Amino acid sequence: VILFSAKLSASVIASDHDSTDRWSYCHITVNNSPLLFFNIYAPTKDDPFFFQELSATLNNFSHIPIILGGDFNLPLDPILDQKSTCRPASSRARHHLHTLISDFGLVDAWRLQHPTEKDFTFYSHPHCSFSRIDFFLLSKSLLPNLLGSSIHPAIISDHSPISFSLDLNLTSPRHNQWCLNTAFLLTHNSKILFAFNLNFIFKKTLPRTFLPQLFGKRTKPLFGVI
């Protein structure tokens, strides 16, 4: 659920949620500037496909500032964001989350302002471990407007509330140089498209005797397809 104060002078452009109610978003304008609020509740299991699908959805809003927050059910840094007697386990979901962060130019708001501090939002009784699995990720364009971020005591829930303060005197986002969102390469349609074009290149343009130095030149048409 995403709630706004009645005092906020904002216009809602669009809102939606997924079929499993694990994420919801609200696209608004504040002071004539677009802003996307995205709330998630990630699976507790190691599910990389969740963040792949999330990337595909976020790709529709890559041109506007993003605020992505919620319960990610994994720490970004298993050393700095977790306290446990067990050795940190590898996580495919964490890998895809870091890819998402890189693709969309996001920053962990709390970690940015507390670079070496250890604080946690959840205690797992079965694992006897503390972890910071609740956080906000902000577009880099919003960082000059970031005033503060905090982790509060857990009183009502078993998770600690988190908050951040943002100056809403926003300016329209600049259009940065285009870069490929790798989530696009994971879609079924893109795989079919690349397979078809590579098949054409191998059959029609490359000689029977494969020459590696020619491959780079002959596959340049793929850049136009992307």
C-alpha atoms as a PDB file:
ATOM      1  CA  VAL A   1       0.000   0.000   0.000  1.00  0.00           C
ATOM      2  CA  ILE A   2       1.264   3.487  -0.872  1.00  0.00           C
ATOM      3  CA  LEU A   3      -0.299   6.365   1.080  1.00  0.00           C
ATOM      4  CA  PHE A   4       0.202  10.093   0.583  1.00  0.00           C
ATOM      5  CA  SER A   5      -0.495  12.955   2.936  1.00  0.00           C
ATOM      6  CA  ALA A   6      -3.528  15.013   1.958  1.00  0.00           C
ATOM      7  CA  LYS A   7      -1.275  18.055   2.294  1.00  0.00           C
ATOM      8  CA  LEU A   8       0.974  16.870  -0.525  1.00  0.00           C
ATOM      9  CA  SER A   9       0.270  18.779  -3.696  1.00  0.00           C
ATOM     10  CA  ALA A  10       0.589  15.893  -6.131  1.00  0.00           C
ATOM     11  CA  SER A  11      -1.265  14.502  -9.116  1.00  0.00           C
ATOM     12  CA  VAL A  12      -1.535  10.747  -9.645  1.00  0.00           C
ATOM     13  CA  ILE A  13      -0.753   9.758 -13.232  1.00  0.00           C
ATOM     14  CA  ALA A  14      -0.984   5.976 -12.910  1.00  0.00           C
ATOM     15  CA  SER A  15      -0.898   3.192 -10.341  1.00  0.00           C
ATOM     16  CA  ASP A  16      -0.860  -0.600 -10.490  1.00  0.00           C
ATOM     17  CA  HIS A  17       0.142  -3.789  -8.681  1.00  0.00           C
ATOM     18  CA  ASP A  18       1.104  -7.312  -9.640  1.00  0.00           C
ATOM     19  CA  SER A  19      -1.175 -10.350  -9.482  1.00  0.00           C
ATOM     20  CA  THR A  20       0.562 -11.702  -6.354  1.00  0.00           C
ATOM     21  CA  ASP A  21       0.471  -8.351  -4.517  1.00  0.00           C
ATOM     22  CA  ARG A  22       4.226  -8.394  -4.031  1.00  0.00           C
ATOM     23  CA  TRP A  23       4.689  -4.964  -5.564  1.00  0.00           C
ATOM     24  CA  SER A  24       2.704  -1.830  -6.259  1.00  0.00           C
ATOM     25  CA  TYR A  25       3.598   1.516  -7.737  1.00  0.00           C
ATOM     26  CA  CYS A  26       2.250   5.019  -8.049  1.00  0.00           C
ATOM     27  CA  HIS A  27       3.394   7.425 -10.741  1.00  0.00           C
ATOM     28  CA  ILE A  28       2.815  11.019  -9.639  1.00  0.00           C
ATOM     29  CA  THR A  29       3.871  14.579 -10.412  1.00  0.00           C
ATOM     30  CA  VAL A  30       5.058  16.950  -7.681  1.00  0.00           C
ATOM     31  CA  ASN A  31       5.656  20.585  -8.594  1.00  0.00           C
ATOM     32  CA  ASN A  32       5.242  19.555 -12.244  1.00  0.00           C
ATOM     33  CA  SER A  33       8.041  16.988 -11.915  1.00  0.00           C
ATOM     34  CA  PRO A  34       7.433  13.243 -12.354  1.00  0.00           C
ATOM     35  CA  LEU A  35       8.209  10.787  -9.567  1.00  0.00           C
ATOM     36  CA  LEU A  36       7.667   7.033  -9.208  1.00  0.00           C
ATOM     37  CA  PHE A  37       6.988   5.400  -5.841  1.00  0.00           C
ATOM     38  CA  PHE A  38       7.483   1.646  -5.906  1.00  0.00           C
ATOM     39  CA  ASN A  39       6.742  -0.574  -2.896  1.00  0.00           C
ATOM     40  CA  ILE A  40       7.802  -4.243  -2.774  1.00  0.00           C
ATOM     41  CA  TYR A  41       7.616  -7.316  -0.572  1.00  0.00           C
ATOM     42  CA  ALA A  42      10.200  -9.719  -1.986  1.00  0.00           C
ATOM     43  CA  PRO A  43       9.930 -13.508  -1.571  1.00  0.00           C
ATOM     44  CA  THR A  44      11.698 -15.046   1.411  1.00  0.00           C
ATOM     45  CA  LYS A  45      13.237 -17.733  -0.793  1.00  0.00           C
ATOM     46  CA  ASP A  46      16.145 -17.139  -3.164  1.00  0.00           C
ATOM     47  CA  ASP A  47      14.067 -16.113  -6.189  1.00  0.00           C
ATOM     48  CA  PRO A  48      16.096 -14.223  -8.842  1.00  0.00           C
ATOM     49  CA  PHE A  49      13.126 -14.129 -11.221  1.00  0.00           C
ATOM     50  CA  PHE A  50      11.305 -11.713  -8.922  1.00  0.00           C
ATOM     51  CA  PHE A  51      13.940  -9.026  -9.479  1.00  0.00           C
ATOM     52  CA  GLN A  52      14.147  -9.819 -13.192  1.00  0.00           C
ATOM     53  CA  GLU A  53      10.411  -9.224 -13.558  1.00  0.00           C
ATOM     54  CA  LEU A  54      10.684  -6.127 -11.381  1.00  0.00           C
ATOM     55  CA  SER A  55      13.383  -4.772 -13.712  1.00  0.00           C
ATOM     56  CA  ALA A  56      11.142  -5.321 -16.711  1.00  0.00           C
ATOM     57  CA  THR A  57       8.366  -3.311 -15.031  1.00  0.00           C
ATOM     58  CA  LEU A  58      10.693  -0.526 -13.903  1.00  0.00           C
ATOM     59  CA  ASN A  59      12.002  -0.260 -17.440  1.00  0.00           C
ATOM     60  CA  ASN A  60       8.713   1.415 -18.365  1.00  0.00           C
ATOM     61  CA  PHE A  61       9.663   4.283 -16.029  1.00  0.00           C
ATOM     62  CA  SER A  62      13.424   4.491 -16.586  1.00  0.00           C
ATOM     63  CA  HIS A  63      13.109   8.126 -17.725  1.00  0.00           C
ATOM     64  CA  ILE A  64      11.809   9.444 -14.369  1.00  0.00           C
ATOM     65  CA  PRO A  65      13.220   9.448 -10.807  1.00  0.00           C
ATOM     66  CA  ILE A  66      12.446   6.272  -8.848  1.00  0.00           C
ATOM     67  CA  ILE A  67      11.898   5.654  -5.142  1.00  0.00           C
ATOM     68  CA  LEU A  68      11.935   1.890  -4.584  1.00  0.00           C
ATOM     69  CA  GLY A  69      11.380   0.709  -1.025  1.00  0.00           C
ATOM     70  CA  GLY A  70      10.040  -2.105   1.099  1.00  0.00           C
ATOM     71  CA  ASP A  71      10.961  -5.498   2.493  1.00  0.00           C
ATOM     72  CA  PHE A  72      13.601  -6.966   0.158  1.00  0.00           C
ATOM     73  CA  ASN A  73      14.055 -10.063   2.357  1.00  0.00           C
ATOM     74  CA  LEU A  74      17.799 -10.007   1.800  1.00  0.00           C
ATOM     75  CA  PRO A  75      20.652  -7.716   2.882  1.00  0.00           C
ATOM     76  CA  LEU A  76      22.462  -5.824   0.149  1.00  0.00           C
ATOM     77  CA  ASP A  77      25.804  -6.486   1.823  1.00  0.00           C
ATOM     78  CA  PRO A  78      25.887  -9.822   3.718  1.00  0.00           C
ATOM     79  CA  ILE A  79      28.855  -8.588   5.778  1.00  0.00           C
ATOM     80  CA  LEU A  80      27.891  -5.022   6.617  1.00  0.00           C
ATOM     81  CA  ASP A  81      24.110  -5.490   6.709  1.00  0.00           C
ATOM     82  CA  GLN A  82      23.942  -8.727   8.652  1.00  0.00           C
ATOM     83  CA  LYS A  83      25.035 -10.052  12.036  1.00  0.00           C
ATOM     84  CA  SER A  84      25.046 -13.815  12.307  1.00  0.00           C
ATOM     85  CA  THR A  85      27.126 -16.688  13.617  1.00  0.00           C
ATOM     86  CA  CYS A  86      26.655 -18.467  10.299  1.00  0.00           C
ATOM     87  CA  ARG A  87      28.704 -17.886   7.174  1.00  0.00           C
ATOM     88  CA  PRO A  88      26.832 -15.683   4.641  1.00  0.00           C
ATOM     89  CA  ALA A  89      25.186 -17.801   1.966  1.00  0.00           C
ATOM     90  CA  SER A  90      25.416 -17.001  -1.720  1.00  0.00           C
ATOM     91  CA  SER A  91      22.249 -15.565  -3.227  1.00  0.00           C
ATOM     92  CA  ARG A  92      21.172 -15.418  -6.862  1.00  0.00           C
ATOM     93  CA  ALA A  93      18.441 -12.952  -5.913  1.00  0.00           C
ATOM     94  CA  ARG A  94      21.051 -10.583  -4.415  1.00  0.00           C
ATOM     95  CA  HIS A  95      23.041 -10.737  -7.641  1.00  0.00           C
ATOM     96  CA  HIS A  96      19.994  -9.750  -9.698  1.00  0.00           C
ATOM     97  CA  LEU A  97      19.074  -7.023  -7.225  1.00  0.00           C
ATOM     98  CA  HIS A  98      22.538  -5.482  -7.606  1.00  0.00           C
ATOM     99  CA  THR A  99      22.122  -5.700 -11.391  1.00  0.00           C
ATOM    100  CA  LEU A 100      18.805  -3.851 -11.079  1.00  0.00           C
ATOM    101  CA  ILE A 101      20.446  -1.179  -8.918  1.00  0.00           C
ATOM    102  CA  SER A 102      23.197  -0.703 -11.483  1.00  0.00           C
ATOM    103  CA  ASP A 103      20.855  -0.681 -14.495  1.00  0.00           C
ATOM    104  CA  PHE A 104      18.588   2.008 -13.055  1.00  0.00           C
ATOM    105  CA  GLY A 105      21.225   4.060 -11.254  1.00  0.00           C
ATOM    106  CA  LEU A 106      19.797   3.563  -7.748  1.00  0.00           C
ATOM    107  CA  VAL A 107      21.425   4.237  -4.380  1.00  0.00           C
ATOM    108  CA  ASP A 108      20.705   2.841  -0.912  1.00  0.00           C
ATOM    109  CA  ALA A 109      19.603   6.025   0.898  1.00  0.00           C
ATOM    110  CA  TRP A 110      20.439   4.868   4.436  1.00  0.00           C
ATOM    111  CA  ARG A 111      23.801   3.326   3.534  1.00  0.00           C
ATOM    112  CA  LEU A 112      24.799   6.470   1.656  1.00  0.00           C
ATOM    113  CA  GLN A 113      24.417   8.504   4.845  1.00  0.00           C
ATOM    114  CA  HIS A 114      25.739   5.782   7.175  1.00  0.00           C
ATOM    115  CA  PRO A 115      28.594   4.249   5.159  1.00  0.00           C
ATOM    116  CA  THR A 116      30.170   2.151   7.945  1.00  0.00           C
ATOM    117  CA  GLU A 117      27.414   1.911  10.548  1.00  0.00           C
ATOM    118  CA  LYS A 118      25.787  -1.394  11.432  1.00  0.00           C
ATOM    119  CA  ASP A 119      22.074  -1.216  12.174  1.00  0.00           C
ATOM    120  CA  PHE A 120      19.344  -3.709  11.445  1.00  0.00           C
ATOM    121  CA  THR A 121      15.623  -3.860  10.692  1.00  0.00           C
ATOM    122  CA  PHE A 122      14.807  -7.495  11.400  1.00  0.00           C
ATOM    123  CA  TYR A 123      15.751 -10.308  13.796  1.00  0.00           C
ATOM    124  CA  SER A 124      15.309 -13.895  12.627  1.00  0.00           C
ATOM    125  CA  HIS A 125      14.658 -16.279  15.507  1.00  0.00           C
ATOM    126  CA  PRO A 126      15.203 -19.469  13.448  1.00  0.00           C
ATOM    127  CA  HIS A 127      18.578 -18.202  12.203  1.00  0.00           C
ATOM    128  CA  CYS A 128      19.487 -16.188  15.308  1.00  0.00           C
ATOM    129  CA  SER A 129      20.587 -13.324  13.068  1.00  0.00           C
ATOM    130  CA  PHE A 130      20.086  -9.602  12.668  1.00  0.00           C
ATOM    131  CA  SER A 131      19.826  -8.102   9.189  1.00  0.00           C
ATOM    132  CA  ARG A 132      18.942  -4.889   7.367  1.00  0.00           C
ATOM    133  CA  ILE A 133      16.481  -6.123   4.770  1.00  0.00           C
ATOM    134  CA  ASP A 134      14.191  -3.081   4.664  1.00  0.00           C
ATOM    135  CA  PHE A 135      15.524  -0.051   2.805  1.00  0.00           C
ATOM    136  CA  PHE A 136      14.879   2.638   0.214  1.00  0.00           C
ATOM    137  CA  LEU A 137      16.638   2.802  -3.146  1.00  0.00           C
ATOM    138  CA  LEU A 138      16.627   6.234  -4.801  1.00  0.00           C
ATOM    139  CA  SER A 139      17.567   7.417  -8.260  1.00  0.00           C
ATOM    140  CA  LYS A 140      20.888   9.251  -8.225  1.00  0.00           C
ATOM    141  CA  SER A 141      19.131  12.353  -9.553  1.00  0.00           C
ATOM    142  CA  LEU A 142      17.276  12.608  -6.213  1.00  0.00           C
ATOM    143  CA  LEU A 143      20.375  12.534  -4.007  1.00  0.00           C
ATOM    144  CA  PRO A 144      20.824  16.348  -3.911  1.00  0.00           C
ATOM    145  CA  ASN A 145      17.305  16.460  -2.439  1.00  0.00           C
ATOM    146  CA  LEU A 146      17.951  13.797   0.231  1.00  0.00           C
ATOM    147  CA  LEU A 147      17.846  15.388   3.698  1.00  0.00           C
ATOM    148  CA  GLY A 148      18.118  12.365   5.976  1.00  0.00           C
ATOM    149  CA  SER A 149      17.337   8.685   6.557  1.00  0.00           C
ATOM    150  CA  SER A 150      16.675   6.682   9.723  1.00  0.00           C
ATOM    151  CA  ILE A 151      15.944   3.263  11.176  1.00  0.00           C
ATOM    152  CA  HIS A 152      13.450   3.430  14.041  1.00  0.00           C
ATOM    153  CA  PRO A 153      12.758   1.049  16.975  1.00  0.00           C
ATOM    154  CA  ALA A 154      10.494  -1.911  16.236  1.00  0.00           C
ATOM    155  CA  ILE A 155       7.347  -1.452  18.336  1.00  0.00           C
ATOM    156  CA  ILE A 156       4.279  -2.683  16.447  1.00  0.00           C
ATOM    157  CA  SER A 157       5.867  -5.001  13.859  1.00  0.00           C
ATOM    158  CA  ASP A 158       8.756  -7.460  13.988  1.00  0.00           C
ATOM    159  CA  HIS A 159      10.432  -5.167  11.440  1.00  0.00           C
ATOM    160  CA  SER A 160      11.907  -1.787  12.338  1.00  0.00           C
ATOM    161  CA  PRO A 161      10.275   1.145  10.523  1.00  0.00           C
ATOM    162  CA  ILE A 162      12.509   3.029   8.111  1.00  0.00           C
ATOM    163  CA  SER A 163      12.166   6.572   6.831  1.00  0.00           C
ATOM    164  CA  PHE A 164      13.893   9.206   4.737  1.00  0.00           C
ATOM    165  CA  SER A 165      13.359  12.914   4.168  1.00  0.00           C
ATOM    166  CA  LEU A 166      13.313  14.437   0.708  1.00  0.00           C
ATOM    167  CA  ASP A 167      13.105  18.033  -0.442  1.00  0.00           C
ATOM    168  CA  LEU A 168      10.242  17.982  -2.954  1.00  0.00           C
ATOM    169  CA  ASN A 169      11.378  21.093  -4.797  1.00  0.00           C
ATOM    170  CA  LEU A 170      12.247  18.816  -7.680  1.00  0.00           C
ATOM    171  CA  THR A 171      13.485  19.752 -11.113  1.00  0.00           C
ATOM    172  CA  SER A 172      12.690  17.893 -14.307  1.00  0.00           C
ATOM    173  CA  PRO A 173      15.119  14.984 -14.797  1.00  0.00           C
ATOM    174  CA  ARG A 174      17.888  15.366 -17.319  1.00  0.00           C
ATOM    175  CA  HIS A 175      17.994  12.921 -20.195  1.00  0.00           C
ATOM    176  CA  ASN A 176      21.269  11.117 -19.715  1.00  0.00           C
ATOM    177  CA  GLN A 177      23.085   9.130 -22.378  1.00  0.00           C
ATOM    178  CA  TRP A 178      21.178   5.965 -23.250  1.00  0.00           C
ATOM    179  CA  CYS A 179      22.448   2.656 -21.914  1.00  0.00           C
ATOM    180  CA  LEU A 180      21.056  -0.833 -22.373  1.00  0.00           C
ATOM    181  CA  ASN A 181      18.885  -2.187 -19.568  1.00  0.00           C
ATOM    182  CA  THR A 182      20.029  -5.814 -19.338  1.00  0.00           C
ATOM    183  CA  ALA A 183      16.576  -6.886 -18.131  1.00  0.00           C
ATOM    184  CA  PHE A 184      15.497  -6.487 -21.759  1.00  0.00           C
ATOM    185  CA  LEU A 185      17.798  -9.355 -22.761  1.00  0.00           C
ATOM    186  CA  LEU A 186      15.975 -11.723 -20.419  1.00  0.00           C
ATOM    187  CA  THR A 187      12.541 -11.424 -22.025  1.00  0.00           C
ATOM    188  CA  HIS A 188      11.203 -14.249 -24.181  1.00  0.00           C
ATOM    189  CA  ASN A 189      10.606 -11.998 -27.208  1.00  0.00           C
ATOM    190  CA  SER A 190      14.135 -10.580 -27.165  1.00  0.00           C
ATOM    191  CA  LYS A 191      15.657 -14.083 -27.076  1.00  0.00           C
ATOM    192  CA  ILE A 192      13.623 -15.063 -30.150  1.00  0.00           C
ATOM    193  CA  LEU A 193      14.641 -11.825 -31.902  1.00  0.00           C
ATOM    194  CA  PHE A 194      18.368 -12.339 -31.275  1.00  0.00           C
ATOM    195  CA  ALA A 195      18.222 -16.030 -32.200  1.00  0.00           C
ATOM    196  CA  PHE A 196      16.552 -15.184 -35.518  1.00  0.00           C
ATOM    197  CA  ASN A 197      19.098 -12.494 -36.406  1.00  0.00           C
ATOM    198  CA  LEU A 198      22.115 -14.553 -35.360  1.00  0.00           C
ATOM    199  CA  ASN A 199      20.804 -17.471 -37.399  1.00  0.00           C
ATOM    200  CA  PHE A 200      20.576 -15.161 -40.420  1.00  0.00           C
ATOM    201  CA  ILE A 201      24.125 -13.885 -39.876  1.00  0.00           C
ATOM    202  CA  PHE A 202      25.602 -17.379 -39.576  1.00  0.00           C
ATOM    203  CA  LYS A 203      23.765 -18.741 -42.627  1.00  0.00           C
ATOM    204  CA  LYS A 204      23.902 -15.776 -45.001  1.00  0.00           C
ATOM    205  CA  THR A 205      26.923 -13.643 -44.239  1.00  0.00           C
ATOM    206  CA  LEU A 206      29.674 -15.678 -42.584  1.00  0.00           C
ATOM    207  CA  PRO A 207      31.941 -17.868 -44.719  1.00  0.00           C
ATOM    208  CA  ARG A 208      31.905 -21.628 -44.275  1.00  0.00           C
ATOM    209  CA  THR A 209      35.325 -21.416 -42.683  1.00  0.00           C
ATOM    210  CA  PHE A 210      34.637 -19.474 -39.493  1.00  0.00           C
ATOM    211  CA  LEU A 211      36.947 -16.511 -38.990  1.00  0.00           C
ATOM    212  CA  PRO A 212      36.667 -14.977 -35.484  1.00  0.00           C
ATOM    213  CA  GLN A 213      37.902 -11.600 -36.711  1.00  0.00           C
ATOM    214  CA  LEU A 214      34.909 -11.389 -39.085  1.00  0.00           C
ATOM    215  CA  PHE A 215      32.318 -12.187 -36.427  1.00  0.00           C
ATOM    216  CA  GLY A 216      32.467  -8.785 -34.739  1.00  0.00           C
ATOM    217  CA  LYS A 217      32.067  -6.976 -38.066  1.00  0.00           C
ATOM    218  CA  ARG A 218      29.208  -9.136 -39.311  1.00  0.00           C
ATOM    219  CA  THR A 219      27.216  -8.901 -36.048  1.00  0.00           C
ATOM    220  CA  LYS A 220      27.160  -5.095 -36.050  1.00  0.00           C
ATOM    221  CA  PRO A 221      23.579  -5.122 -37.469  1.00  0.00           C
ATOM    222  CA  LEU A 222      22.478  -6.437 -34.068  1.00  0.00           C
ATOM    223  CA  PHE A 223      23.157  -2.994 -32.606  1.00  0.00           C
ATOM    224  CA  GLY A 224      20.457  -1.630 -34.920  1.00  0.00           C
ATOM    225  CA  VAL A 225      18.058  -4.362 -33.800  1.00  0.00           C
ATOM    226  CA  ILE A 226      18.559  -3.475 -30.125  1.00  0.00           C
END
